[in-house]
């Protein structure tokens, strides 16, 4: 293999590694940004984990949280308030919220 081909292969391999790291970073939400966005959520959902007729959203795994919010966004799940809220959120917003709420565990009684 000549020098130009080795350099080209190295560049391609590096680009693939960087792209893979970016994809992983895109999958992980920003906890601090999620906390910032959570104000709208906690007006109804209790940060303590209490339900009081409204399902708790703390302590969920991030994949489930994202999937549920996306089903509201796609109007698969029925709830006009949640559909409206979810429709206003980007994938990045939902991932950030998922990351934040995953860090909060219900308080034991």
PDB file of N, CA and C in Angstrom:
ATOM      1  N   UNK A   1       0.873  -1.171   0.000  1.00  0.00           N
ATOM      2  CA  UNK A   1       0.000   0.000   0.000  1.00  0.00           C
ATOM      3  C   UNK A   1       0.916   1.229   0.000  1.00  0.00           C
ATOM      4  N   UNK A   2       0.635   2.151  -0.900  1.00  0.00           N
ATOM      5  CA  UNK A   2       1.483   3.343  -0.955  1.00  0.00           C
ATOM      6  C   UNK A   2       1.094   4.348   0.137  1.00  0.00           C
ATOM      7  N   UNK A   3       1.944   5.349   0.295  1.00  0.00           N
ATOM      8  CA  UNK A   3       1.781   6.343   1.365  1.00  0.00           C
ATOM      9  C   UNK A   3       0.431   7.059   1.276  1.00  0.00           C
ATOM     10  N   UNK A   4       0.024   7.456   0.095  1.00  0.00           N
ATOM     11  CA  UNK A   4      -1.248   8.181  -0.079  1.00  0.00           C
ATOM     12  C   UNK A   4      -2.427   7.308   0.344  1.00  0.00           C
ATOM     13  N   UNK A   5      -2.380   6.032   0.028  1.00  0.00           N
ATOM     14  CA  UNK A   5      -3.472   5.133   0.397  1.00  0.00           C
ATOM     15  C   UNK A   5      -3.513   4.926   1.914  1.00  0.00           C
ATOM     16  N   UNK A   6      -2.330   4.829   2.544  1.00  0.00           N
ATOM     17  CA  UNK A   6      -2.278   4.667   4.005  1.00  0.00           C
ATOM     18  C   UNK A   6      -2.851   5.905   4.693  1.00  0.00           C
ATOM     19  N   UNK A   7      -2.457   7.068   4.193  1.00  0.00           N
ATOM     20  CA  UNK A   7      -2.973   8.319   4.774  1.00  0.00           C
ATOM     21  C   UNK A   7      -4.486   8.391   4.592  1.00  0.00           C
ATOM     22  N   UNK A   8      -4.963   8.050   3.396  1.00  0.00           N
ATOM     23  CA  UNK A   8      -6.403   8.058   3.124  1.00  0.00           C
ATOM     24  C   UNK A   8      -7.145   7.096   4.029  1.00  0.00           C
ATOM     25  N   UNK A   9      -6.590   5.902   4.234  1.00  0.00           N
ATOM     26  CA  UNK A   9      -7.214   4.911   5.120  1.00  0.00           C
ATOM     27  C   UNK A   9      -7.254   5.415   6.558  1.00  0.00           C
ATOM     28  N   UNK A  10      -6.193   6.052   6.990  1.00  0.00           N
ATOM     29  CA  UNK A  10      -6.130   6.598   8.346  1.00  0.00           C
ATOM     30  C   UNK A  10      -7.177   7.696   8.527  1.00  0.00           C
ATOM     31  N   UNK A  11      -7.309   8.556   7.548  1.00  0.00           N
ATOM     32  CA  UNK A  11      -8.296   9.642   7.613  1.00  0.00           C
ATOM     33  C   UNK A  11      -9.702   9.065   7.684  1.00  0.00           C
ATOM     34  N   UNK A  12      -9.982   8.076   6.862  1.00  0.00           N
ATOM     35  CA  UNK A  12     -11.316   7.454   6.861  1.00  0.00           C
ATOM     36  C   UNK A  12     -11.588   6.785   8.204  1.00  0.00           C
ATOM     37  N   UNK A  13     -10.613   6.031   8.712  1.00  0.00           N
ATOM     38  CA  UNK A  13     -10.797   5.359  10.002  1.00  0.00           C
ATOM     39  C   UNK A  13     -11.030   6.372  11.117  1.00  0.00           C
ATOM     40  N   UNK A  14     -10.284   7.465  11.119  1.00  0.00           N
ATOM     41  CA  UNK A  14     -10.455   8.514  12.128  1.00  0.00           C
ATOM     42  C   UNK A  14     -11.836   9.146  12.013  1.00  0.00           C
ATOM     43  N   UNK A  15     -12.265   9.416  10.800  1.00  0.00           N
ATOM     44  CA  UNK A  15     -13.590  10.009  10.580  1.00  0.00           C
ATOM     45  C   UNK A  15     -14.687   9.083  11.097  1.00  0.00           C
ATOM     46  N   UNK A  16     -14.535   7.783  10.888  1.00  0.00           N
ATOM     47  CA  UNK A  16     -15.535   6.827  11.378  1.00  0.00           C
ATOM     48  C   UNK A  16     -15.567   6.792  12.900  1.00  0.00           C
ATOM     49  N   UNK A  17     -14.411   6.855  13.534  1.00  0.00           N
ATOM     50  CA  UNK A  17     -14.366   6.883  14.998  1.00  0.00           C
ATOM     51  C   UNK A  17     -15.009   8.147  15.540  1.00  0.00           C
ATOM     52  N   UNK A  18     -14.728   9.279  14.933  1.00  0.00           N
ATOM     53  CA  UNK A  18     -15.325  10.550  15.367  1.00  0.00           C
ATOM     54  C   UNK A  18     -16.828  10.504  15.162  1.00  0.00           C
ATOM     55  N   UNK A  19     -17.282  10.008  14.021  1.00  0.00           N
ATOM     56  CA  UNK A  19     -18.716   9.915  13.750  1.00  0.00           C
ATOM     57  C   UNK A  19     -19.389   9.009  14.766  1.00  0.00           C
ATOM     58  N   UNK A  20     -18.732   7.916  15.145  1.00  0.00           N
ATOM     59  CA  UNK A  20     -19.286   7.005  16.136  1.00  0.00           C
ATOM     60  C   UNK A  20     -19.395   7.699  17.490  1.00  0.00           C
ATOM     61  N   UNK A  21     -18.380   8.473  17.876  1.00  0.00           N
ATOM     62  CA  UNK A  21     -18.428   9.214  19.138  1.00  0.00           C
ATOM     63  C   UNK A  21     -19.545  10.244  19.126  1.00  0.00           C
ATOM     64  N   UNK A  22     -19.760  10.916  17.999  1.00  0.00           N
ATOM     65  CA  UNK A  22     -20.834  11.902  17.888  1.00  0.00           C
ATOM     66  C   UNK A  22     -22.180  11.221  18.033  1.00  0.00           C
ATOM     67  N   UNK A  23     -22.355  10.057  17.402  1.00  0.00           N
ATOM     68  CA  UNK A  23     -23.620   9.322  17.511  1.00  0.00           C
ATOM     69  C   UNK A  23     -23.899   8.947  18.959  1.00  0.00           C
ATOM     70  N   UNK A  24     -22.872   8.503  19.684  1.00  0.00           N
ATOM     71  CA  UNK A  24     -23.052   8.163  21.093  1.00  0.00           C
ATOM     72  C   UNK A  24     -23.413   9.407  21.884  1.00  0.00           C
ATOM     73  N   UNK A  25     -22.733  10.521  21.628  1.00  0.00           N
ATOM     74  CA  UNK A  25     -23.037  11.769  22.333  1.00  0.00           C
ATOM     75  C   UNK A  25     -24.466  12.213  22.056  1.00  0.00           C
ATOM     76  N   UNK A  26     -24.946  11.994  20.837  1.00  0.00           N
ATOM     77  CA  UNK A  26     -26.304  12.378  20.494  1.00  0.00           C
ATOM     78  C   UNK A  26     -27.336  11.549  21.248  1.00  0.00           C
ATOM     79  N   UNK A  27     -26.959  10.347  21.671  1.00  0.00           N
ATOM     80  CA  UNK A  27     -27.875   9.471  22.380  1.00  0.00           C
ATOM     81  C   UNK A  27     -27.991   9.846  23.854  1.00  0.00           C
ATOM     82  N   UNK A  28     -27.033  10.561  24.370  1.00  0.00           N
ATOM     83  CA  UNK A  28     -27.008  10.911  25.777  1.00  0.00           C
ATOM     84  C   UNK A  28     -27.488  12.343  25.953  1.00  0.00           C
ATOM     85  N   UNK A  29     -28.492  12.512  26.776  1.00  0.00           N
ATOM     86  CA  UNK A  29     -29.009  13.848  27.017  1.00  0.00           C
ATOM     87  C   UNK A  29     -28.184  14.607  28.030  1.00  0.00           C
ATOM     88  N   UNK A  30     -28.260  15.907  27.948  1.00  0.00           N
ATOM     89  CA  UNK A  30     -27.553  16.819  28.851  1.00  0.00           C
ATOM     90  C   UNK A  30     -28.412  17.010  30.109  1.00  0.00           C
ATOM     91  N   UNK A  31     -27.939  16.469  31.228  1.00  0.00           N
ATOM     92  CA  UNK A  31     -28.700  16.504  32.479  1.00  0.00           C
ATOM     93  C   UNK A  31     -29.008  17.939  32.908  1.00  0.00           C
ATOM     94  N   UNK A  32     -28.026  18.817  32.842  1.00  0.00           N
ATOM     95  CA  UNK A  32     -28.236  20.214  33.268  1.00  0.00           C
ATOM     96  C   UNK A  32     -29.282  20.901  32.388  1.00  0.00           C
ATOM     97  N   UNK A  33     -29.229  20.643  31.093  1.00  0.00           N
ATOM     98  CA  UNK A  33     -30.231  21.222  30.188  1.00  0.00           C
ATOM     99  C   UNK A  33     -31.607  20.633  30.496  1.00  0.00           C
ATOM    100  N   UNK A  34     -31.644  19.342  30.805  1.00  0.00           N
ATOM    101  CA  UNK A  34     -32.902  18.697  31.177  1.00  0.00           C
ATOM    102  C   UNK A  34     -33.503  19.306  32.428  1.00  0.00           C
ATOM    103  N   UNK A  35     -32.650  19.593  33.409  1.00  0.00           N
ATOM    104  CA  UNK A  35     -33.137  20.237  34.629  1.00  0.00           C
ATOM    105  C   UNK A  35     -33.717  21.615  34.302  1.00  0.00           C
ATOM    106  N   UNK A  36     -33.045  22.349  33.426  1.00  0.00           N
ATOM    107  CA  UNK A  36     -33.520  23.665  32.992  1.00  0.00           C
ATOM    108  C   UNK A  36     -34.895  23.555  32.334  1.00  0.00           C
ATOM    109  N   UNK A  37     -35.067  22.534  31.480  1.00  0.00           N
ATOM    110  CA  UNK A  37     -36.337  22.363  30.767  1.00  0.00           C
ATOM    111  C   UNK A  37     -37.450  21.788  31.638  1.00  0.00           C
ATOM    112  N   UNK A  38     -37.112  21.203  32.763  1.00  0.00           N
ATOM    113  CA  UNK A  38     -38.075  20.431  33.553  1.00  0.00           C
ATOM    114  C   UNK A  38     -39.167  21.259  34.221  1.00  0.00           C
ATOM    115  N   UNK A  39     -39.000  22.555  34.276  1.00  0.00           N
ATOM    116  CA  UNK A  39     -39.985  23.403  34.943  1.00  0.00           C
ATOM    117  C   UNK A  39     -41.402  23.185  34.463  1.00  0.00           C
ATOM    118  N   UNK A  40     -41.560  23.032  33.173  1.00  0.00           N
ATOM    119  CA  UNK A  40     -42.895  22.809  32.613  1.00  0.00           C
ATOM    120  C   UNK A  40     -43.434  21.445  33.046  1.00  0.00           C
ATOM    121  N   UNK A  41     -42.566  20.452  33.137  1.00  0.00           N
ATOM    122  CA  UNK A  41     -42.988  19.101  33.503  1.00  0.00           C
ATOM    123  C   UNK A  41     -43.459  19.025  34.954  1.00  0.00           C
ATOM    124  N   UNK A  42     -42.688  19.668  35.831  1.00  0.00           N
ATOM    125  CA  UNK A  42     -42.972  19.530  37.258  1.00  0.00           C
ATOM    126  C   UNK A  42     -44.117  20.413  37.735  1.00  0.00           C
ATOM    127  N   UNK A  43     -44.734  21.144  36.832  1.00  0.00           N
ATOM    128  CA  UNK A  43     -45.956  21.846  37.224  1.00  0.00           C
ATOM    129  C   UNK A  43     -47.093  20.847  37.419  1.00  0.00           C
ATOM    130  N   UNK A  44     -46.991  19.691  36.768  1.00  0.00           N
ATOM    131  CA  UNK A  44     -47.997  18.637  36.934  1.00  0.00           C
ATOM    132  C   UNK A  44     -47.408  17.377  37.575  1.00  0.00           C
ATOM    133  N   UNK A  45     -46.267  16.932  37.070  1.00  0.00           N
ATOM    134  CA  UNK A  45     -45.626  15.710  37.573  1.00  0.00           C
ATOM    135  C   UNK A  45     -44.815  16.049  38.820  1.00  0.00           C
ATOM    136  N   UNK A  46     -45.064  15.324  39.891  1.00  0.00           N
ATOM    137  CA  UNK A  46     -44.400  15.590  41.160  1.00  0.00           C
ATOM    138  C   UNK A  46     -42.934  15.146  41.117  1.00  0.00           C
ATOM    139  N   UNK A  47     -42.035  16.028  41.480  1.00  0.00           N
ATOM    140  CA  UNK A  47     -40.616  15.712  41.517  1.00  0.00           C
ATOM    141  C   UNK A  47     -40.319  14.678  42.607  1.00  0.00           C
ATOM    142  N   UNK A  48     -41.233  14.525  43.551  1.00  0.00           N
ATOM    143  CA  UNK A  48     -41.067  13.537  44.629  1.00  0.00           C
ATOM    144  C   UNK A  48     -41.373  12.120  44.148  1.00  0.00           C
ATOM    145  N   UNK A  49     -42.074  12.031  43.029  1.00  0.00           N
ATOM    146  CA  UNK A  49     -42.476  10.716  42.532  1.00  0.00           C
ATOM    147  C   UNK A  49     -43.894  10.355  42.913  1.00  0.00           C
ATOM    148  N   UNK A  50     -44.557  11.204  43.694  1.00  0.00           N
ATOM    149  CA  UNK A  50     -45.959  10.955  44.054  1.00  0.00           C
ATOM    150  C   UNK A  50     -46.822  11.057  42.798  1.00  0.00           C
ATOM    151  N   UNK A  51     -47.864  10.252  42.727  1.00  0.00           N
ATOM    152  CA  UNK A  51     -48.667  10.280  41.504  1.00  0.00           C
ATOM    153  C   UNK A  51     -49.853  11.229  41.595  1.00  0.00           C
ATOM    154  N   UNK A  52     -50.644  11.143  42.628  1.00  0.00           N
ATOM    155  CA  UNK A  52     -51.823  12.004  42.763  1.00  0.00           C
ATOM    156  C   UNK A  52     -52.616  12.111  41.467  1.00  0.00           C
ATOM    157  N   UNK A  53     -52.750  10.995  40.760  1.00  0.00           N
ATOM    158  CA  UNK A  53     -53.515  10.963  39.514  1.00  0.00           C
ATOM    159  C   UNK A  53     -52.709  11.286  38.268  1.00  0.00           C
ATOM    160  N   UNK A  54     -51.512  11.809  38.432  1.00  0.00           N
ATOM    161  CA  UNK A  54     -50.632  12.120  37.296  1.00  0.00           C
ATOM    162  C   UNK A  54     -49.408  11.218  37.429  1.00  0.00           C
ATOM    163  N   UNK A  55     -49.111  10.437  36.409  1.00  0.00           N
ATOM    164  CA  UNK A  55     -48.023   9.451  36.534  1.00  0.00           C
ATOM    165  C   UNK A  55     -46.679  10.089  36.866  1.00  0.00           C
ATOM    166  N   UNK A  56     -45.907   9.422  37.738  1.00  0.00           N
ATOM    167  CA  UNK A  56     -44.563   9.916  38.033  1.00  0.00           C
ATOM    168  C   UNK A  56     -43.655   9.714  36.820  1.00  0.00           C
ATOM    169  N   UNK A  57     -42.692  10.592  36.654  1.00  0.00           N
ATOM    170  CA  UNK A  57     -41.757  10.482  35.528  1.00  0.00           C
ATOM    171  C   UNK A  57     -40.312  10.422  35.987  1.00  0.00           C
ATOM    172  N   UNK A  58     -40.091  10.346  37.286  1.00  0.00           N
ATOM    173  CA  UNK A  58     -38.715  10.276  37.781  1.00  0.00           C
ATOM    174  C   UNK A  58     -38.254   8.823  37.833  1.00  0.00           C
ATOM    175  N   UNK A  59     -36.936   8.631  37.693  1.00  0.00           N
ATOM    176  CA  UNK A  59     -36.363   7.308  37.817  1.00  0.00           C
ATOM    177  C   UNK A  59     -36.552   6.389  36.616  1.00  0.00           C
ATOM    178  N   UNK A  60     -37.150   6.888  35.556  1.00  0.00           N
ATOM    179  CA  UNK A  60     -37.341   6.066  34.344  1.00  0.00           C
ATOM    180  C   UNK A  60     -36.003   5.888  33.651  1.00  0.00           C
ATOM    181  N   UNK A  61     -35.879   4.793  32.913  1.00  0.00           N
ATOM    182  CA  UNK A  61     -34.701   4.683  32.058  1.00  0.00           C
ATOM    183  C   UNK A  61     -34.907   5.625  30.871  1.00  0.00           C
ATOM    184  N   UNK A  62     -33.831   6.125  30.324  1.00  0.00           N
ATOM    185  CA  UNK A  62     -33.907   7.178  29.304  1.00  0.00           C
ATOM    186  C   UNK A  62     -34.581   6.706  28.024  1.00  0.00           C
ATOM    187  N   UNK A  63     -34.392   5.451  27.659  1.00  0.00           N
ATOM    188  CA  UNK A  63     -35.012   4.936  26.433  1.00  0.00           C
ATOM    189  C   UNK A  63     -36.530   4.931  26.551  1.00  0.00           C
ATOM    190  N   UNK A  64     -37.042   4.445  27.671  1.00  0.00           N
ATOM    191  CA  UNK A  64     -38.501   4.419  27.869  1.00  0.00           C
ATOM    192  C   UNK A  64     -39.076   5.825  27.879  1.00  0.00           C
ATOM    193  N   UNK A  65     -38.408   6.738  28.572  1.00  0.00           N
ATOM    194  CA  UNK A  65     -38.875   8.126  28.627  1.00  0.00           C
ATOM    195  C   UNK A  65     -38.968   8.703  27.216  1.00  0.00           C
ATOM    196  N   UNK A  66     -37.899   8.519  26.440  1.00  0.00           N
ATOM    197  CA  UNK A  66     -37.888   9.053  25.078  1.00  0.00           C
ATOM    198  C   UNK A  66     -39.015   8.436  24.249  1.00  0.00           C
ATOM    199  N   UNK A  67     -39.186   7.130  24.332  1.00  0.00           N
ATOM    200  CA  UNK A  67     -40.213   6.452  23.542  1.00  0.00           C
ATOM    201  C   UNK A  67     -41.612   6.932  23.906  1.00  0.00           C
ATOM    202  N   UNK A  68     -41.878   7.083  25.188  1.00  0.00           N
ATOM    203  CA  UNK A  68     -43.200   7.558  25.612  1.00  0.00           C
ATOM    204  C   UNK A  68     -43.447   8.973  25.104  1.00  0.00           C
ATOM    205  N   UNK A  69     -42.458   9.855  25.276  1.00  0.00           N
ATOM    206  CA  UNK A  69     -42.628  11.230  24.796  1.00  0.00           C
ATOM    207  C   UNK A  69     -42.808  11.271  23.278  1.00  0.00           C
ATOM    208  N   UNK A  70     -42.101  10.412  22.578  1.00  0.00           N
ATOM    209  CA  UNK A  70     -42.236  10.381  21.124  1.00  0.00           C
ATOM    210  C   UNK A  70     -43.619   9.888  20.707  1.00  0.00           C
ATOM    211  N   UNK A  71     -44.205   8.956  21.462  1.00  0.00           N
ATOM    212  CA  UNK A  71     -45.560   8.505  21.113  1.00  0.00           C
ATOM    213  C   UNK A  71     -46.583   9.619  21.338  1.00  0.00           C
ATOM    214  N   UNK A  72     -46.332  10.479  22.320  1.00  0.00           N
ATOM    215  CA  UNK A  72     -47.196  11.664  22.467  1.00  0.00           C
ATOM    216  C   UNK A  72     -46.975  12.621  21.296  1.00  0.00           C
ATOM    217  N   UNK A  73     -45.728  12.806  20.925  1.00  0.00           N
ATOM    218  CA  UNK A  73     -45.396  13.705  19.813  1.00  0.00           C
ATOM    219  C   UNK A  73     -46.033  13.231  18.518  1.00  0.00           C
ATOM    220  N   UNK A  74     -46.064  11.924  18.316  1.00  0.00           N
ATOM    221  CA  UNK A  74     -46.648  11.339  17.101  1.00  0.00           C
ATOM    222  C   UNK A  74     -48.166  11.177  17.210  1.00  0.00           C
ATOM    223  N   UNK A  75     -48.721  11.571  18.357  1.00  0.00           N
ATOM    224  CA  UNK A  75     -50.158  11.480  18.656  1.00  0.00           C
ATOM    225  C   UNK A  75     -50.667  10.040  18.673  1.00  0.00           C
ATOM    226  N   UNK A  76     -49.781   9.121  19.033  1.00  0.00           N
ATOM    227  CA  UNK A  76     -50.169   7.723  19.205  1.00  0.00           C
ATOM    228  C   UNK A  76     -50.823   7.555  20.569  1.00  0.00           C
ATOM    229  N   UNK A  77     -50.281   8.214  21.590  1.00  0.00           N
ATOM    230  CA  UNK A  77     -50.880   8.210  22.922  1.00  0.00           C
ATOM    231  C   UNK A  77     -51.851   9.368  23.027  1.00  0.00           C
ATOM    232  N   UNK A  78     -52.984   9.097  23.649  1.00  0.00           N
ATOM    233  CA  UNK A  78     -54.016  10.111  23.820  1.00  0.00           C
ATOM    234  C   UNK A  78     -53.791  10.934  25.077  1.00  0.00           C
ATOM    235  N   UNK A  79     -53.615  12.188  24.930  1.00  0.00           N
ATOM    236  CA  UNK A  79     -53.589  13.160  26.014  1.00  0.00           C
ATOM    237  C   UNK A  79     -53.219  14.489  25.355  1.00  0.00           C
ATOM    238  N   UNK A  80     -54.207  15.332  25.176  1.00  0.00           N
ATOM    239  CA  UNK A  80     -53.993  16.586  24.442  1.00  0.00           C
ATOM    240  C   UNK A  80     -52.902  17.450  25.054  1.00  0.00           C
ATOM    241  N   UNK A  81     -52.865  17.541  26.376  1.00  0.00           N
ATOM    242  CA  UNK A  81     -51.835  18.371  27.020  1.00  0.00           C
ATOM    243  C   UNK A  81     -50.451  17.815  26.717  1.00  0.00           C
ATOM    244  N   UNK A  82     -50.276  16.504  26.884  1.00  0.00           N
ATOM    245  CA  UNK A  82     -48.967  15.902  26.638  1.00  0.00           C
ATOM    246  C   UNK A  82     -48.605  15.935  25.153  1.00  0.00           C
ATOM    247  N   UNK A  83     -49.581  15.776  24.284  1.00  0.00           N
ATOM    248  CA  UNK A  83     -49.309  15.872  22.846  1.00  0.00           C
ATOM    249  C   UNK A  83     -48.796  17.259  22.487  1.00  0.00           C
ATOM    250  N   UNK A  84     -49.414  18.272  23.066  1.00  0.00           N
ATOM    251  CA  UNK A  84     -48.998  19.653  22.798  1.00  0.00           C
ATOM    252  C   UNK A  84     -47.594  19.914  23.325  1.00  0.00           C
ATOM    253  N   UNK A  85     -47.339  19.477  24.546  1.00  0.00           N
ATOM    254  CA  UNK A  85     -46.011  19.691  25.137  1.00  0.00           C
ATOM    255  C   UNK A  85     -44.957  18.929  24.342  1.00  0.00           C
ATOM    256  N   UNK A  86     -45.205  17.663  24.063  1.00  0.00           N
ATOM    257  CA  UNK A  86     -44.225  16.836  23.344  1.00  0.00           C
ATOM    258  C   UNK A  86     -43.946  17.387  21.949  1.00  0.00           C
ATOM    259  N   UNK A  87     -44.968  17.918  21.300  1.00  0.00           N
ATOM    260  CA  UNK A  87     -44.794  18.469  19.950  1.00  0.00           C
ATOM    261  C   UNK A  87     -43.853  19.669  19.951  1.00  0.00           C
ATOM    262  N   UNK A  88     -43.745  20.345  21.087  1.00  0.00           N
ATOM    263  CA  UNK A  88     -42.883  21.528  21.161  1.00  0.00           C
ATOM    264  C   UNK A  88     -41.420  21.172  21.468  1.00  0.00           C
ATOM    265  N   UNK A  89     -41.144  19.898  21.721  1.00  0.00           N
ATOM    266  CA  UNK A  89     -39.808  19.476  22.127  1.00  0.00           C
ATOM    267  C   UNK A  89     -39.057  18.803  20.983  1.00  0.00           C
ATOM    268  N   UNK A  90     -37.783  19.099  20.884  1.00  0.00           N
ATOM    269  CA  UNK A  90     -36.915  18.428  19.903  1.00  0.00           C
ATOM    270  C   UNK A  90     -36.430  17.109  20.499  1.00  0.00           C
ATOM    271  N   UNK A  91     -35.809  16.282  19.677  1.00  0.00           N
ATOM    272  CA  UNK A  91     -35.201  15.051  20.178  1.00  0.00           C
ATOM    273  C   UNK A  91     -34.187  15.380  21.275  1.00  0.00           C
ATOM    274  N   UNK A  92     -33.388  16.411  21.048  1.00  0.00           N
ATOM    275  CA  UNK A  92     -32.374  16.815  22.030  1.00  0.00           C
ATOM    276  C   UNK A  92     -33.036  17.216  23.351  1.00  0.00           C
ATOM    277  N   UNK A  93     -34.140  17.941  23.278  1.00  0.00           N
ATOM    278  CA  UNK A  93     -34.865  18.350  24.483  1.00  0.00           C
ATOM    279  C   UNK A  93     -35.355  17.130  25.258  1.00  0.00           C
ATOM    280  N   UNK A  94     -35.955  16.188  24.551  1.00  0.00           N
ATOM    281  CA  UNK A  94     -36.498  14.991  25.205  1.00  0.00           C
ATOM    282  C   UNK A  94     -35.382  14.152  25.808  1.00  0.00           C
ATOM    283  N   UNK A  95     -34.266  14.021  25.104  1.00  0.00           N
ATOM    284  CA  UNK A  95     -33.134  13.262  25.648  1.00  0.00           C
ATOM    285  C   UNK A  95     -32.583  13.932  26.900  1.00  0.00           C
ATOM    286  N   UNK A  96     -32.550  15.251  26.899  1.00  0.00           N
ATOM    287  CA  UNK A  96     -32.075  15.981  28.075  1.00  0.00           C
ATOM    288  C   UNK A  96     -33.030  15.781  29.252  1.00  0.00           C
ATOM    289  N   UNK A  97     -34.319  15.875  28.999  1.00  0.00           N
ATOM    290  CA  UNK A  97     -35.296  15.641  30.056  1.00  0.00           C
ATOM    291  C   UNK A  97     -35.198  14.209  30.580  1.00  0.00           C
ATOM    292  N   UNK A  98     -35.046  13.261  29.675  1.00  0.00           N
ATOM    293  CA  UNK A  98     -34.911  11.855  30.070  1.00  0.00           C
ATOM    294  C   UNK A  98     -33.686  11.664  30.959  1.00  0.00           C
ATOM    295  N   UNK A  99     -32.581  12.281  30.574  1.00  0.00           N
ATOM    296  CA  UNK A  99     -31.348  12.161  31.358  1.00  0.00           C
ATOM    297  C   UNK A  99     -31.533  12.769  32.745  1.00  0.00           C
ATOM    298  N   UNK A 100     -32.176  13.910  32.808  1.00  0.00           N
ATOM    299  CA  UNK A 100     -32.392  14.568  34.102  1.00  0.00           C
ATOM    300  C   UNK A 100     -33.310  13.744  34.997  1.00  0.00           C
ATOM    301  N   UNK A 101     -34.479  13.370  34.497  1.00  0.00           N
ATOM    302  CA  UNK A 101     -35.432  12.642  35.327  1.00  0.00           C
ATOM    303  C   UNK A 101     -34.920  11.259  35.720  1.00  0.00           C
ATOM    304  N   UNK A 102     -34.028  10.672  34.932  1.00  0.00           N
ATOM    305  CA  UNK A 102     -33.430   9.376  35.276  1.00  0.00           C
ATOM    306  C   UNK A 102     -32.533   9.491  36.501  1.00  0.00           C
ATOM    307  N   UNK A 103     -32.035  10.683  36.771  1.00  0.00           N
ATOM    308  CA  UNK A 103     -31.135  10.864  37.920  1.00  0.00           C
ATOM    309  C   UNK A 103     -31.885  11.006  39.237  1.00  0.00           C
ATOM    310  N   UNK A 104     -33.182  11.187  39.180  1.00  0.00           N
ATOM    311  CA  UNK A 104     -33.978  11.416  40.388  1.00  0.00           C
ATOM    312  C   UNK A 104     -34.728  10.136  40.749  1.00  0.00           C
ATOM    313  N   UNK A 105     -34.500   9.657  41.935  1.00  0.00           N
ATOM    314  CA  UNK A 105     -35.147   8.441  42.390  1.00  0.00           C
ATOM    315  C   UNK A 105     -36.285   8.803  43.358  1.00  0.00           C
ATOM    316  N   UNK A 106     -37.356   8.014  43.336  1.00  0.00           N
ATOM    317  CA  UNK A 106     -38.475   8.281  44.274  1.00  0.00           C
ATOM    318  C   UNK A 106     -37.991   8.227  45.716  1.00  0.00           C
ATOM    319  N   UNK A 107     -38.581   9.069  46.512  1.00  0.00           N
ATOM    320  CA  UNK A 107     -38.269   9.072  47.947  1.00  0.00           C
ATOM    321  C   UNK A 107     -39.001   7.910  48.602  1.00  0.00           C
ATOM    322  N   UNK A 108     -38.298   7.222  49.464  1.00  0.00           N
ATOM    323  CA  UNK A 108     -38.916   6.112  50.176  1.00  0.00           C
ATOM    324  C   UNK A 108     -39.736   6.634  51.332  1.00  0.00           C
ATOM    325  N   UNK A 109     -40.900   6.017  51.536  1.00  0.00           N
ATOM    326  CA  UNK A 109     -41.785   6.436  52.624  1.00  0.00           C
ATOM    327  C   UNK A 109     -41.350   5.902  53.945  1.00  0.00           C
TER     328      UNK A 109
END
